[in-house]
């Protein structure tokens, strides 16, 4: 990050089942491991939630629909084939093993 860089924080699905009651990091824990760099670089970190901007939701939906139809927006998704893989998809979602949207194709 550049000095005075800004970081937007959104989405913590992979952290839902992390045990925060332990003082020692585990091999499966994740997050900021070098917070001192955020201080020395004077970074700004701010979380956001979509509902903070519900006043512009209609405008967003219109713009986003247009951009998707024009091919200006691309995204990643993980697709599991068959209902038998639904549990695997669900577990993968919470373990951070998927990218973007997670779907089960039936």
N, C-alpha and C. Protein backbone atom coordinates (compact mmCIF):
# COMPACT_ATOMS: atom_id res chain seq x y z
N UNK A 1 0.84 -1.19 0.00
CA UNK A 1 0.00 0.00 0.00
C UNK A 1 0.88 1.24 0.00
N UNK A 2 0.38 2.26 -0.64
CA UNK A 2 1.04 3.56 -0.62
C UNK A 2 0.83 4.23 0.73
N UNK A 3 1.72 5.16 1.05
CA UNK A 3 1.53 5.96 2.25
C UNK A 3 0.17 6.66 2.13
N UNK A 4 -0.58 6.68 3.21
CA UNK A 4 -1.92 7.25 3.28
C UNK A 4 -2.93 6.51 2.38
N UNK A 5 -2.64 5.25 2.04
CA UNK A 5 -3.57 4.45 1.24
C UNK A 5 -4.87 4.21 1.99
N UNK A 6 -5.91 3.89 1.24
CA UNK A 6 -7.22 3.63 1.84
C UNK A 6 -7.64 2.21 1.48
N UNK A 7 -8.16 1.50 2.45
CA UNK A 7 -8.58 0.11 2.27
C UNK A 7 -10.05 0.00 2.65
N UNK A 8 -10.86 -0.51 1.71
CA UNK A 8 -12.28 -0.76 2.00
C UNK A 8 -12.42 -2.21 2.43
N UNK A 9 -13.11 -2.44 3.53
CA UNK A 9 -13.30 -3.78 4.08
C UNK A 9 -14.75 -4.19 3.93
N UNK A 10 -14.98 -5.32 3.28
CA UNK A 10 -16.34 -5.79 3.07
C UNK A 10 -16.32 -7.31 2.95
N UNK A 11 -17.20 -7.98 3.65
CA UNK A 11 -17.34 -9.42 3.52
C UNK A 11 -16.41 -10.18 4.45
N UNK A 12 -17.00 -10.97 5.33
CA UNK A 12 -16.21 -11.77 6.26
C UNK A 12 -16.77 -13.18 6.39
N UNK A 13 -17.41 -13.66 5.33
CA UNK A 13 -18.05 -14.96 5.38
C UNK A 13 -17.08 -16.05 5.81
N UNK A 14 -15.85 -16.01 5.30
CA UNK A 14 -14.89 -17.07 5.63
C UNK A 14 -14.47 -17.03 7.09
N UNK A 15 -14.82 -15.98 7.82
CA UNK A 15 -14.42 -15.84 9.22
C UNK A 15 -15.52 -16.21 10.21
N UNK A 16 -16.70 -16.60 9.72
CA UNK A 16 -17.83 -16.87 10.60
C UNK A 16 -17.52 -17.91 11.68
N UNK A 17 -16.74 -18.91 11.34
CA UNK A 17 -16.49 -20.00 12.28
C UNK A 17 -15.11 -19.96 12.92
N UNK A 18 -14.40 -18.84 12.80
CA UNK A 18 -13.08 -18.71 13.40
C UNK A 18 -13.24 -18.55 14.91
N UNK A 19 -12.44 -19.27 15.67
CA UNK A 19 -12.49 -19.21 17.13
C UNK A 19 -11.69 -18.00 17.59
N UNK A 20 -12.39 -16.97 18.04
CA UNK A 20 -11.72 -15.75 18.52
C UNK A 20 -11.39 -15.81 20.01
N UNK A 21 -11.64 -16.96 20.64
CA UNK A 21 -11.39 -17.09 22.08
C UNK A 21 -10.01 -17.65 22.38
N UNK A 22 -9.18 -17.80 21.37
CA UNK A 22 -7.83 -18.31 21.59
C UNK A 22 -6.83 -17.18 21.41
N UNK A 23 -5.78 -17.19 22.20
CA UNK A 23 -4.79 -16.12 22.11
C UNK A 23 -3.73 -16.41 21.06
N UNK A 24 -3.56 -17.67 20.70
CA UNK A 24 -2.53 -18.03 19.72
C UNK A 24 -3.15 -18.20 18.34
N UNK A 25 -2.49 -17.68 17.30
CA UNK A 25 -3.02 -17.88 15.95
C UNK A 25 -2.93 -19.34 15.55
N UNK A 26 -3.89 -19.78 14.78
CA UNK A 26 -3.89 -21.15 14.29
C UNK A 26 -3.56 -21.15 12.81
N UNK A 27 -3.17 -22.28 12.24
CA UNK A 27 -2.87 -22.32 10.81
C UNK A 27 -4.05 -21.93 9.94
N UNK A 28 -5.28 -22.05 10.45
CA UNK A 28 -6.45 -21.71 9.65
C UNK A 28 -6.94 -20.29 9.89
N UNK A 29 -6.33 -19.57 10.84
CA UNK A 29 -6.77 -18.20 11.08
C UNK A 29 -6.22 -17.29 9.99
N UNK A 30 -6.93 -16.20 9.75
CA UNK A 30 -6.47 -15.25 8.75
C UNK A 30 -6.81 -13.86 9.22
N UNK A 31 -6.30 -12.90 8.51
CA UNK A 31 -6.53 -11.51 8.87
C UNK A 31 -5.22 -10.75 8.84
N UNK A 32 -5.24 -9.58 9.40
CA UNK A 32 -4.06 -8.73 9.37
C UNK A 32 -2.99 -9.32 10.28
N UNK A 33 -1.84 -9.63 9.70
CA UNK A 33 -0.76 -10.19 10.50
C UNK A 33 0.36 -9.18 10.73
N UNK A 34 0.33 -8.06 10.02
CA UNK A 34 1.38 -7.06 10.15
C UNK A 34 0.76 -5.66 10.31
N UNK A 35 -0.04 -5.51 11.33
CA UNK A 35 -0.76 -4.26 11.56
C UNK A 35 0.18 -3.07 11.74
N UNK A 36 1.41 -3.32 12.16
CA UNK A 36 2.35 -2.21 12.32
C UNK A 36 2.60 -1.49 11.00
N UNK A 37 2.50 -2.21 9.88
CA UNK A 37 2.67 -1.55 8.57
C UNK A 37 1.52 -0.59 8.28
N UNK A 38 0.33 -0.91 8.77
CA UNK A 38 -0.80 0.00 8.59
C UNK A 38 -0.55 1.31 9.34
N UNK A 39 0.09 1.20 10.50
CA UNK A 39 0.41 2.40 11.28
C UNK A 39 1.52 3.19 10.59
N UNK A 40 2.60 2.52 10.22
CA UNK A 40 3.73 3.25 9.64
C UNK A 40 3.39 3.85 8.28
N UNK A 41 2.44 3.24 7.56
CA UNK A 41 2.03 3.79 6.26
C UNK A 41 0.82 4.73 6.40
N UNK A 42 0.36 4.92 7.65
CA UNK A 42 -0.77 5.79 7.92
C UNK A 42 -1.98 5.45 7.05
N UNK A 43 -2.31 4.16 7.02
CA UNK A 43 -3.40 3.68 6.19
C UNK A 43 -4.76 3.96 6.81
N UNK A 44 -5.74 4.13 5.97
CA UNK A 44 -7.13 4.26 6.41
C UNK A 44 -7.87 2.98 6.08
N UNK A 45 -8.41 2.32 7.10
CA UNK A 45 -9.20 1.10 6.91
C UNK A 45 -10.63 1.40 7.34
N UNK A 46 -11.58 1.12 6.45
CA UNK A 46 -12.97 1.37 6.80
C UNK A 46 -13.85 0.26 6.26
N UNK A 47 -14.65 -0.30 7.15
CA UNK A 47 -15.61 -1.31 6.75
C UNK A 47 -16.84 -0.65 6.15
N UNK A 48 -17.52 -1.38 5.28
CA UNK A 48 -18.78 -0.87 4.77
C UNK A 48 -19.76 -2.01 4.56
N UNK A 49 -21.02 -1.66 4.62
CA UNK A 49 -22.13 -2.59 4.45
C UNK A 49 -23.06 -1.99 3.40
N UNK A 50 -23.56 -2.81 2.51
CA UNK A 50 -24.39 -2.29 1.41
C UNK A 50 -25.54 -1.44 1.90
N UNK A 51 -26.11 -1.80 3.05
CA UNK A 51 -27.29 -1.06 3.52
C UNK A 51 -26.95 0.38 3.94
N UNK A 52 -25.66 0.69 4.09
CA UNK A 52 -25.27 2.07 4.36
C UNK A 52 -25.64 2.98 3.19
N UNK A 53 -25.87 2.38 2.03
CA UNK A 53 -26.10 3.15 0.81
C UNK A 53 -27.44 2.78 0.16
N UNK A 54 -28.41 2.39 0.97
CA UNK A 54 -29.71 1.96 0.45
C UNK A 54 -30.43 3.09 -0.29
N UNK A 55 -30.05 4.34 -0.02
CA UNK A 55 -30.69 5.47 -0.69
C UNK A 55 -30.37 5.53 -2.18
N UNK A 56 -29.30 4.85 -2.62
CA UNK A 56 -28.95 4.86 -4.04
C UNK A 56 -29.06 3.45 -4.66
N UNK A 57 -29.82 2.57 -4.00
CA UNK A 57 -29.95 1.19 -4.47
C UNK A 57 -30.58 1.11 -5.86
N UNK A 58 -31.63 1.87 -6.12
CA UNK A 58 -32.26 1.83 -7.44
C UNK A 58 -31.31 2.30 -8.53
N UNK A 59 -30.59 3.36 -8.26
CA UNK A 59 -29.60 3.86 -9.23
C UNK A 59 -28.52 2.81 -9.48
N UNK A 60 -28.05 2.17 -8.41
CA UNK A 60 -27.05 1.12 -8.55
C UNK A 60 -27.57 -0.02 -9.42
N UNK A 61 -28.78 -0.50 -9.13
CA UNK A 61 -29.36 -1.61 -9.90
C UNK A 61 -29.46 -1.27 -11.39
N UNK A 62 -29.89 -0.05 -11.69
CA UNK A 62 -30.00 0.37 -13.09
C UNK A 62 -28.62 0.43 -13.76
N UNK A 63 -27.67 1.06 -13.10
CA UNK A 63 -26.32 1.18 -13.66
C UNK A 63 -25.66 -0.18 -13.82
N UNK A 64 -25.76 -1.01 -12.79
CA UNK A 64 -25.09 -2.31 -12.81
C UNK A 64 -25.69 -3.21 -13.89
N UNK A 65 -27.01 -3.20 -14.03
CA UNK A 65 -27.66 -3.99 -15.09
C UNK A 65 -27.13 -3.58 -16.46
N UNK A 66 -27.02 -2.30 -16.67
CA UNK A 66 -26.51 -1.77 -17.94
C UNK A 66 -25.07 -2.22 -18.17
N UNK A 67 -24.23 -2.08 -17.16
CA UNK A 67 -22.81 -2.43 -17.32
C UNK A 67 -22.63 -3.93 -17.54
N UNK A 68 -23.43 -4.75 -16.88
CA UNK A 68 -23.36 -6.21 -17.09
C UNK A 68 -23.76 -6.54 -18.53
N UNK A 69 -24.84 -5.95 -18.99
CA UNK A 69 -25.30 -6.20 -20.37
C UNK A 69 -24.29 -5.73 -21.41
N UNK A 70 -23.55 -4.70 -21.09
CA UNK A 70 -22.52 -4.17 -22.00
C UNK A 70 -21.20 -4.93 -21.89
N UNK A 71 -21.12 -5.87 -20.94
CA UNK A 71 -19.89 -6.63 -20.76
C UNK A 71 -18.78 -5.87 -20.03
N UNK A 72 -19.14 -4.77 -19.39
CA UNK A 72 -18.15 -3.97 -18.66
C UNK A 72 -17.85 -4.53 -17.27
N UNK A 73 -18.73 -5.37 -16.75
CA UNK A 73 -18.55 -5.97 -15.43
C UNK A 73 -18.33 -7.46 -15.59
N UNK A 74 -17.27 -7.95 -14.98
CA UNK A 74 -16.95 -9.38 -14.99
C UNK A 74 -16.83 -9.84 -13.54
N UNK A 75 -17.12 -11.10 -13.28
CA UNK A 75 -17.02 -11.62 -11.92
C UNK A 75 -16.61 -13.07 -11.96
N UNK A 76 -16.18 -13.53 -10.80
CA UNK A 76 -15.81 -14.93 -10.62
C UNK A 76 -16.91 -15.63 -9.85
N UNK A 77 -17.07 -16.90 -10.13
CA UNK A 77 -18.01 -17.70 -9.37
C UNK A 77 -17.52 -19.14 -9.33
N UNK A 78 -17.90 -19.83 -8.27
CA UNK A 78 -17.58 -21.24 -8.11
C UNK A 78 -18.88 -22.01 -8.25
N UNK A 79 -18.91 -22.95 -9.19
CA UNK A 79 -20.13 -23.72 -9.45
C UNK A 79 -19.88 -25.19 -9.12
N UNK A 80 -20.72 -25.73 -8.26
CA UNK A 80 -20.69 -27.15 -7.94
C UNK A 80 -21.81 -27.82 -8.72
N UNK A 81 -21.53 -28.96 -9.31
CA UNK A 81 -22.52 -29.69 -10.11
C UNK A 81 -23.27 -30.70 -9.24
N UNK A 82 -24.61 -30.63 -9.25
CA UNK A 82 -25.45 -31.63 -8.59
C UNK A 82 -25.75 -31.33 -7.13
N UNK A 83 -26.95 -31.71 -6.75
CA UNK A 83 -27.42 -31.48 -5.38
C UNK A 83 -26.57 -32.23 -4.35
N UNK A 84 -25.96 -33.33 -4.77
CA UNK A 84 -25.11 -34.09 -3.84
C UNK A 84 -23.90 -33.28 -3.39
N UNK A 85 -23.52 -32.26 -4.16
CA UNK A 85 -22.37 -31.43 -3.81
C UNK A 85 -22.75 -30.17 -3.02
N UNK A 86 -24.03 -30.03 -2.70
CA UNK A 86 -24.47 -28.85 -1.94
C UNK A 86 -23.76 -28.73 -0.59
N UNK A 87 -23.63 -29.82 0.19
CA UNK A 87 -22.90 -29.68 1.46
C UNK A 87 -21.45 -29.24 1.26
N UNK A 88 -20.80 -29.79 0.24
CA UNK A 88 -19.41 -29.42 -0.06
C UNK A 88 -19.33 -27.93 -0.43
N UNK A 89 -20.29 -27.45 -1.20
CA UNK A 89 -20.33 -26.03 -1.58
C UNK A 89 -20.51 -25.15 -0.34
N UNK A 90 -21.40 -25.56 0.55
CA UNK A 90 -21.68 -24.79 1.75
C UNK A 90 -20.45 -24.71 2.65
N UNK A 91 -19.80 -25.85 2.87
CA UNK A 91 -18.60 -25.87 3.70
C UNK A 91 -17.49 -25.06 3.05
N UNK A 92 -17.32 -25.22 1.74
CA UNK A 92 -16.28 -24.47 1.02
C UNK A 92 -16.49 -22.97 1.13
N UNK A 93 -17.74 -22.55 1.11
CA UNK A 93 -18.06 -21.13 1.24
C UNK A 93 -17.54 -20.58 2.56
N UNK A 94 -17.78 -21.30 3.64
CA UNK A 94 -17.39 -20.82 4.97
C UNK A 94 -15.93 -21.04 5.28
N UNK A 95 -15.24 -21.88 4.51
CA UNK A 95 -13.81 -22.08 4.70
C UNK A 95 -12.98 -21.24 3.74
N UNK A 96 -13.64 -20.40 2.95
CA UNK A 96 -12.92 -19.53 2.03
C UNK A 96 -12.33 -20.28 0.84
N UNK A 97 -12.91 -21.40 0.46
CA UNK A 97 -12.38 -22.21 -0.64
C UNK A 97 -13.05 -21.89 -1.97
N UNK A 98 -13.97 -20.94 -1.99
CA UNK A 98 -14.65 -20.57 -3.22
C UNK A 98 -14.25 -19.17 -3.64
N UNK A 99 -14.53 -18.82 -4.87
CA UNK A 99 -14.22 -17.49 -5.39
C UNK A 99 -15.51 -16.85 -5.88
N UNK A 100 -15.78 -15.64 -5.42
CA UNK A 100 -16.98 -14.94 -5.85
C UNK A 100 -18.24 -15.63 -5.37
N UNK A 101 -19.24 -15.63 -6.23
CA UNK A 101 -20.52 -16.25 -5.92
C UNK A 101 -20.37 -17.77 -5.93
N UNK A 102 -21.02 -18.45 -4.99
CA UNK A 102 -21.00 -19.90 -4.94
C UNK A 102 -22.38 -20.42 -5.32
N UNK A 103 -22.40 -21.31 -6.32
CA UNK A 103 -23.67 -21.85 -6.82
C UNK A 103 -23.63 -23.38 -6.84
N UNK A 104 -24.81 -23.96 -6.69
CA UNK A 104 -24.98 -25.40 -6.89
C UNK A 104 -25.91 -25.56 -8.08
N UNK A 105 -25.40 -26.15 -9.15
CA UNK A 105 -26.19 -26.34 -10.37
C UNK A 105 -26.92 -27.67 -10.28
N UNK A 106 -28.25 -27.61 -10.37
CA UNK A 106 -29.07 -28.82 -10.26
C UNK A 106 -29.56 -29.23 -11.64
